[in-house]
């Protein structure tokens, strides 16, 4: 979940060095306890990124249904709003990930106050992946208890 400043732990990966590059956001991913990312690690980390925005969508639903008074992020979220480009950098043993807006999302954002993607937008969604996984595990557990 947390970690050192600028580092986000999600399962057994550390996402760090988030930076903005024009119309994209870039980050680096390392596997905990390993010198180098393997193909399997790359696949697992990439699969985790498919869950970006799910926690935010859930919180937004609770807010919209007036079940929760927590502040809903009225902003942009959801893995379907981005194109995710993972690249296994074998020289450095890390996974490099570049996020860009889909063409549809870029068009929708034009002329808004958040037309450009910021690194905080991606960092926050990566940070919340663990929350989504924990919630999903709780739901699975609750279903098993009922049956």
Foldseek 3Di string as FASTA:
>chain_A
DPDPVQWADDPQKIWGDWDDDPQKIKIKIDGPPDQAQDPVNLVVVVVLLQQFQVVLVVVVVCVVVVVDPPDRPPDDIHSVQWDWDWDGDRVRRIIMIMIGGDPVNLVVLPPHPPSGDDSVRVVVRSNCSNVVVVVVVVVVVVVVVVD
